[in-house]
N, C-alpha and C. Protein backbone atom coordinates (compact mmCIF):
# COMPACT_ATOMS: atom_id res chain seq x y z
N MET A 1 134.43 68.04 55.90
CA MET A 1 135.30 66.90 55.81
C MET A 1 136.34 67.02 56.91
N THR A 2 136.43 66.03 57.75
CA THR A 2 137.38 66.02 58.84
C THR A 2 138.53 65.10 58.47
N GLU A 3 139.71 65.58 58.64
CA GLU A 3 140.88 64.80 58.31
C GLU A 3 141.72 64.63 59.57
N THR A 4 142.03 63.37 59.87
CA THR A 4 142.91 63.12 61.01
C THR A 4 144.30 62.89 60.49
N ARG A 5 145.25 63.49 61.14
CA ARG A 5 146.64 63.36 60.71
C ARG A 5 147.44 62.63 61.77
N PRO A 6 148.25 61.67 61.34
CA PRO A 6 149.12 61.02 62.29
C PRO A 6 150.09 62.06 62.87
N THR A 7 150.37 61.96 64.16
CA THR A 7 151.17 62.98 64.81
C THR A 7 152.67 62.69 64.76
N GLY A 8 153.05 61.45 64.82
CA GLY A 8 154.46 61.13 64.87
C GLY A 8 155.09 60.92 63.51
N TRP A 9 156.42 61.02 63.47
CA TRP A 9 157.15 60.83 62.22
C TRP A 9 156.91 59.44 61.66
N TRP A 10 156.96 58.43 62.52
CA TRP A 10 156.78 57.05 62.09
C TRP A 10 155.37 56.85 61.52
N SER A 11 154.36 57.38 62.17
CA SER A 11 152.98 57.25 61.70
C SER A 11 152.79 57.91 60.35
N ARG A 12 153.35 59.11 60.19
CA ARG A 12 153.24 59.81 58.89
C ARG A 12 153.96 59.03 57.79
N THR A 13 155.13 58.50 58.09
CA THR A 13 155.89 57.74 57.10
C THR A 13 155.15 56.46 56.72
N LEU A 14 154.62 55.76 57.70
CA LEU A 14 153.87 54.53 57.43
C LEU A 14 152.63 54.82 56.60
N GLN A 15 151.92 55.91 56.91
CA GLN A 15 150.73 56.25 56.14
C GLN A 15 151.11 56.56 54.69
N ARG A 16 152.18 57.28 54.49
CA ARG A 16 152.62 57.63 53.13
C ARG A 16 153.03 56.40 52.33
N LEU A 17 153.66 55.44 53.00
CA LEU A 17 154.09 54.22 52.32
C LEU A 17 152.92 53.32 51.95
N THR A 18 151.84 53.37 52.73
CA THR A 18 150.71 52.48 52.48
C THR A 18 149.57 53.15 51.73
N ALA A 19 149.62 54.45 51.53
CA ALA A 19 148.55 55.18 50.83
C ALA A 19 148.62 54.94 49.33
N ASP A 20 147.47 55.02 48.68
CA ASP A 20 147.46 54.89 47.23
C ASP A 20 147.90 56.21 46.58
N ASP A 21 148.22 56.15 45.30
CA ASP A 21 148.73 57.33 44.59
C ASP A 21 147.74 58.49 44.58
N HIS A 22 146.44 58.17 44.45
CA HIS A 22 145.42 59.23 44.42
C HIS A 22 145.39 60.00 45.74
N SER A 23 145.48 59.29 46.85
CA SER A 23 145.46 59.95 48.17
C SER A 23 146.68 60.84 48.37
N ILE A 24 147.84 60.35 47.94
CA ILE A 24 149.08 61.14 48.07
C ILE A 24 149.00 62.38 47.19
N ASP A 25 148.50 62.22 45.95
CA ASP A 25 148.37 63.35 45.03
C ASP A 25 147.39 64.38 45.58
N ALA A 26 146.27 63.92 46.13
CA ALA A 26 145.27 64.84 46.69
C ALA A 26 145.86 65.61 47.88
N ALA A 27 146.62 64.93 48.73
CA ALA A 27 147.24 65.61 49.87
C ALA A 27 148.24 66.66 49.41
N GLU A 28 149.02 66.35 48.37
CA GLU A 28 149.98 67.32 47.84
C GLU A 28 149.27 68.52 47.23
N LEU A 29 148.17 68.28 46.51
CA LEU A 29 147.40 69.39 45.92
C LEU A 29 146.80 70.28 47.00
N ARG A 30 146.28 69.67 48.08
CA ARG A 30 145.73 70.47 49.20
C ARG A 30 146.82 71.31 49.83
N ALA A 31 148.01 70.73 50.00
CA ALA A 31 149.13 71.48 50.60
C ALA A 31 149.56 72.63 49.68
N ASP A 32 149.60 72.39 48.37
CA ASP A 32 149.95 73.44 47.41
C ASP A 32 148.95 74.58 47.46
N ALA A 33 147.65 74.25 47.54
CA ALA A 33 146.60 75.28 47.59
C ALA A 33 146.73 76.10 48.87
N ALA A 34 147.01 75.44 49.98
CA ALA A 34 147.15 76.16 51.25
C ALA A 34 148.37 77.07 51.23
N SER A 35 149.48 76.59 50.67
CA SER A 35 150.69 77.42 50.63
C SER A 35 150.55 78.59 49.67
N ALA A 36 149.68 78.46 48.65
CA ALA A 36 149.44 79.56 47.71
C ALA A 36 148.42 80.56 48.25
N GLY A 37 147.80 80.24 49.39
CA GLY A 37 146.82 81.13 49.98
C GLY A 37 145.45 81.06 49.32
N CYS A 38 145.17 79.95 48.65
CA CYS A 38 143.89 79.79 47.96
C CYS A 38 142.90 79.01 48.83
N GLU A 39 141.60 79.22 48.55
CA GLU A 39 140.57 78.50 49.28
C GLU A 39 140.46 77.07 48.75
N PRO A 40 140.22 76.11 49.64
CA PRO A 40 139.91 74.75 49.17
C PRO A 40 138.53 74.77 48.50
N VAL A 41 138.38 74.03 47.41
CA VAL A 41 137.10 73.99 46.70
C VAL A 41 135.99 73.52 47.63
N SER A 42 136.30 72.60 48.53
CA SER A 42 135.28 72.06 49.43
C SER A 42 134.71 73.11 50.38
N SER A 43 135.41 74.21 50.61
CA SER A 43 134.90 75.23 51.54
C SER A 43 134.38 76.47 50.81
N CYS A 44 134.38 76.48 49.49
CA CYS A 44 133.86 77.62 48.72
C CYS A 44 132.34 77.65 48.80
N ARG A 45 131.78 78.83 48.91
CA ARG A 45 130.34 79.01 49.02
C ARG A 45 129.80 79.76 47.82
N LYS A 46 128.58 79.39 47.43
CA LYS A 46 127.90 79.98 46.29
C LYS A 46 127.81 81.50 46.44
N GLY A 47 128.18 82.22 45.39
CA GLY A 47 128.09 83.67 45.38
C GLY A 47 129.37 84.38 45.79
N ALA A 48 130.31 83.66 46.38
CA ALA A 48 131.56 84.27 46.85
C ALA A 48 132.57 84.36 45.70
N VAL A 49 133.38 85.41 45.71
CA VAL A 49 134.49 85.50 44.76
C VAL A 49 135.65 84.76 45.39
N VAL A 50 136.13 83.73 44.70
CA VAL A 50 137.14 82.84 45.26
C VAL A 50 138.36 82.75 44.36
N THR A 51 139.47 82.35 44.97
CA THR A 51 140.68 82.01 44.23
C THR A 51 141.02 80.58 44.57
N VAL A 52 141.06 79.73 43.55
CA VAL A 52 141.35 78.31 43.74
C VAL A 52 142.52 77.92 42.86
N THR A 53 143.23 76.90 43.29
CA THR A 53 144.34 76.40 42.49
C THR A 53 144.33 74.88 42.50
N GLY A 54 144.79 74.28 41.43
CA GLY A 54 144.79 72.83 41.34
C GLY A 54 145.25 72.37 39.97
N ARG A 55 144.85 71.15 39.65
CA ARG A 55 145.24 70.53 38.38
C ARG A 55 144.00 70.23 37.55
N LEU A 56 144.08 70.47 36.25
CA LEU A 56 142.95 70.20 35.37
C LEU A 56 142.85 68.70 35.11
N LYS A 57 141.69 68.13 35.43
CA LYS A 57 141.46 66.71 35.21
C LYS A 57 140.94 66.44 33.80
N SER A 58 140.10 67.35 33.30
CA SER A 58 139.56 67.16 31.95
C SER A 58 139.25 68.52 31.34
N VAL A 59 139.29 68.55 30.02
CA VAL A 59 138.94 69.76 29.26
C VAL A 59 138.05 69.31 28.12
N VAL A 60 136.86 69.95 28.02
CA VAL A 60 135.88 69.53 27.02
C VAL A 60 135.34 70.76 26.30
N TYR A 61 135.33 70.68 24.98
CA TYR A 61 134.67 71.72 24.17
C TYR A 61 133.24 71.25 23.95
N THR A 62 132.28 72.10 24.29
CA THR A 62 130.88 71.76 24.15
C THR A 62 130.22 72.70 23.16
N PRO A 63 130.01 72.24 21.93
CA PRO A 63 129.32 73.12 20.98
C PRO A 63 127.85 73.24 21.38
N ARG A 64 127.39 74.44 21.50
CA ARG A 64 125.99 74.71 21.85
C ARG A 64 125.32 75.36 20.64
N GLU A 65 124.00 75.39 20.67
CA GLU A 65 123.27 76.02 19.57
C GLU A 65 123.50 77.52 19.53
N THR A 66 123.72 78.14 20.70
CA THR A 66 123.88 79.59 20.72
C THR A 66 125.33 79.99 20.96
N VAL A 67 125.92 79.54 22.06
CA VAL A 67 127.27 79.96 22.42
C VAL A 67 128.15 78.74 22.69
N PRO A 68 129.28 78.60 21.99
CA PRO A 68 130.17 77.48 22.30
C PRO A 68 130.81 77.69 23.67
N THR A 69 131.13 76.60 24.35
CA THR A 69 131.76 76.71 25.67
C THR A 69 132.93 75.76 25.77
N LEU A 70 133.91 76.19 26.55
CA LEU A 70 135.05 75.36 26.91
C LEU A 70 134.94 75.10 28.40
N GLU A 71 134.90 73.83 28.80
CA GLU A 71 134.75 73.47 30.20
C GLU A 71 135.96 72.67 30.65
N ALA A 72 136.47 73.02 31.83
CA ALA A 72 137.62 72.31 32.39
C ALA A 72 137.34 71.99 33.85
N GLU A 73 137.60 70.75 34.25
CA GLU A 73 137.41 70.36 35.64
C GLU A 73 138.72 70.55 36.40
N LEU A 74 138.67 71.42 37.42
CA LEU A 74 139.84 71.73 38.25
C LEU A 74 139.72 70.97 39.57
N PHE A 75 140.72 70.16 39.90
CA PHE A 75 140.75 69.38 41.14
C PHE A 75 141.85 69.91 42.03
N ASP A 76 141.51 70.19 43.30
CA ASP A 76 142.52 70.74 44.22
C ASP A 76 142.83 69.82 45.39
N GLY A 77 142.36 68.59 45.36
CA GLY A 77 142.61 67.65 46.44
C GLY A 77 141.47 67.57 47.43
N SER A 78 140.65 68.64 47.51
CA SER A 78 139.51 68.63 48.42
C SER A 78 138.20 68.48 47.65
N GLY A 79 138.23 68.80 46.38
CA GLY A 79 137.03 68.73 45.55
C GLY A 79 137.31 69.28 44.16
N SER A 80 136.28 69.30 43.34
CA SER A 80 136.41 69.78 41.96
C SER A 80 135.44 70.91 41.68
N VAL A 81 135.86 71.79 40.79
CA VAL A 81 135.00 72.86 40.30
C VAL A 81 135.17 72.90 38.78
N THR A 82 134.07 73.17 38.08
CA THR A 82 134.11 73.27 36.63
C THR A 82 134.34 74.72 36.25
N LEU A 83 135.39 74.97 35.49
CA LEU A 83 135.68 76.30 34.95
C LEU A 83 135.06 76.37 33.56
N VAL A 84 134.23 77.37 33.32
CA VAL A 84 133.51 77.47 32.05
C VAL A 84 133.84 78.80 31.39
N TRP A 85 134.37 78.71 30.17
CA TRP A 85 134.62 79.91 29.37
C TRP A 85 133.59 79.93 28.25
N LEU A 86 132.73 80.93 28.26
CA LEU A 86 131.69 81.05 27.24
C LEU A 86 132.27 81.68 25.99
N GLY A 87 131.85 81.18 24.84
CA GLY A 87 132.29 81.74 23.56
C GLY A 87 133.69 81.33 23.15
N ARG A 88 134.26 80.33 23.80
CA ARG A 88 135.63 79.89 23.48
C ARG A 88 135.61 78.44 23.01
N ARG A 89 136.37 78.16 22.00
CA ARG A 89 136.52 76.78 21.52
C ARG A 89 137.80 76.16 22.06
N ARG A 90 138.79 77.00 22.27
CA ARG A 90 140.09 76.53 22.74
C ARG A 90 140.82 77.69 23.39
N ILE A 91 141.61 77.39 24.42
CA ILE A 91 142.47 78.38 25.05
C ILE A 91 143.85 77.73 25.15
N PRO A 92 144.87 78.34 24.55
CA PRO A 92 146.21 77.76 24.63
C PRO A 92 146.64 77.56 26.08
N GLY A 93 147.16 76.37 26.38
CA GLY A 93 147.64 76.06 27.72
C GLY A 93 146.60 75.40 28.61
N ILE A 94 145.33 75.50 28.24
CA ILE A 94 144.27 74.85 29.02
C ILE A 94 144.14 73.44 28.48
N GLU A 95 144.75 72.50 29.20
CA GLU A 95 144.77 71.10 28.78
C GLU A 95 144.85 70.21 30.03
N PRO A 96 144.37 68.97 29.92
CA PRO A 96 144.40 68.06 31.08
C PRO A 96 145.82 67.90 31.63
N GLY A 97 145.92 67.87 32.95
CA GLY A 97 147.21 67.70 33.61
C GLY A 97 147.91 69.00 33.93
N ARG A 98 147.43 70.11 33.40
CA ARG A 98 148.06 71.42 33.62
C ARG A 98 147.58 72.01 34.94
N SER A 99 148.49 72.62 35.68
CA SER A 99 148.14 73.28 36.94
C SER A 99 147.85 74.75 36.68
N LEU A 100 146.84 75.27 37.38
CA LEU A 100 146.52 76.68 37.22
C LEU A 100 145.82 77.21 38.46
N THR A 101 145.82 78.54 38.57
CA THR A 101 145.09 79.25 39.61
C THR A 101 143.99 80.04 38.92
N ALA A 102 142.76 79.93 39.45
CA ALA A 102 141.62 80.62 38.84
C ALA A 102 140.91 81.48 39.89
N ARG A 103 140.37 82.60 39.43
CA ARG A 103 139.64 83.51 40.31
C ARG A 103 138.33 83.90 39.64
N GLY A 104 137.25 83.84 40.41
CA GLY A 104 135.95 84.22 39.88
C GLY A 104 134.86 83.97 40.91
N ARG A 105 133.62 84.23 40.50
CA ARG A 105 132.47 84.05 41.38
C ARG A 105 132.03 82.59 41.35
N PHE A 106 131.96 82.00 42.53
CA PHE A 106 131.60 80.60 42.69
C PHE A 106 130.09 80.46 42.54
N ALA A 107 129.65 79.52 41.69
CA ALA A 107 128.22 79.34 41.44
C ALA A 107 127.88 77.86 41.42
N ALA A 108 126.60 77.57 41.38
CA ALA A 108 126.12 76.20 41.23
C ALA A 108 125.13 76.17 40.08
N PHE A 109 125.30 75.21 39.17
CA PHE A 109 124.42 75.09 38.02
C PHE A 109 124.25 73.61 37.70
N ASP A 110 123.00 73.16 37.62
CA ASP A 110 122.70 71.74 37.36
C ASP A 110 123.41 70.81 38.35
N GLY A 111 123.50 71.22 39.60
CA GLY A 111 124.12 70.37 40.62
C GLY A 111 125.64 70.35 40.59
N ARG A 112 126.24 71.20 39.77
CA ARG A 112 127.71 71.26 39.68
C ARG A 112 128.20 72.57 40.26
N GLN A 113 129.43 72.54 40.77
CA GLN A 113 130.08 73.76 41.22
C GLN A 113 130.80 74.35 40.02
N VAL A 114 130.57 75.64 39.76
CA VAL A 114 131.03 76.26 38.52
C VAL A 114 131.60 77.64 38.79
N ILE A 115 132.62 78.01 38.01
CA ILE A 115 133.09 79.40 37.93
C ILE A 115 133.05 79.76 36.45
N TYR A 116 132.24 80.77 36.10
CA TYR A 116 132.12 81.20 34.71
C TYR A 116 133.17 82.25 34.37
N ASN A 117 133.78 82.09 33.21
CA ASN A 117 134.77 83.03 32.67
C ASN A 117 135.78 83.48 33.73
N PRO A 118 136.46 82.52 34.37
CA PRO A 118 137.41 82.91 35.43
C PRO A 118 138.65 83.57 34.87
N ARG A 119 139.24 84.43 35.69
CA ARG A 119 140.60 84.87 35.39
C ARG A 119 141.49 83.71 35.79
N TYR A 120 142.54 83.48 35.07
CA TYR A 120 143.37 82.33 35.38
C TYR A 120 144.84 82.65 35.14
N GLU A 121 145.66 81.88 35.81
CA GLU A 121 147.11 81.97 35.62
C GLU A 121 147.65 80.55 35.55
N LEU A 122 148.31 80.25 34.46
CA LEU A 122 148.93 78.93 34.31
C LEU A 122 150.14 78.83 35.20
N ILE A 123 150.31 77.68 35.85
CA ILE A 123 151.44 77.47 36.75
C ILE A 123 152.44 76.58 36.03
N SER A 124 153.67 77.04 35.93
CA SER A 124 154.71 76.24 35.29
C SER A 124 155.16 75.15 36.24
N CYS A 125 155.40 73.99 35.68
CA CYS A 125 155.79 72.84 36.51
C CYS A 125 157.28 72.79 36.73
């Protein structure tokens, strides 16, 4: 993904005034991830141990026949990754809108980008 940035103060201000809320939020999340020293989700590769940070868009409990799972979609402004905790029905603090940093092995399953049982740290707002 190539991003062009306006170079002048006036161009940056005009872009910010005319951009939609989603674009502004995504840019802020990308800047937060870069300042925290985390990898953008869009540049993570399968099999690598990564540290990502962002905001949870959704949290879903999925009862399975064998092992229950808690799935949360983490968005960092460049893309999304699904965080999956096996054997968990609920984790205090894991809720939509919450910011967190997660670390684990990046994988792909059923066409989705996934990190299973990540270590995580909740970020206070």
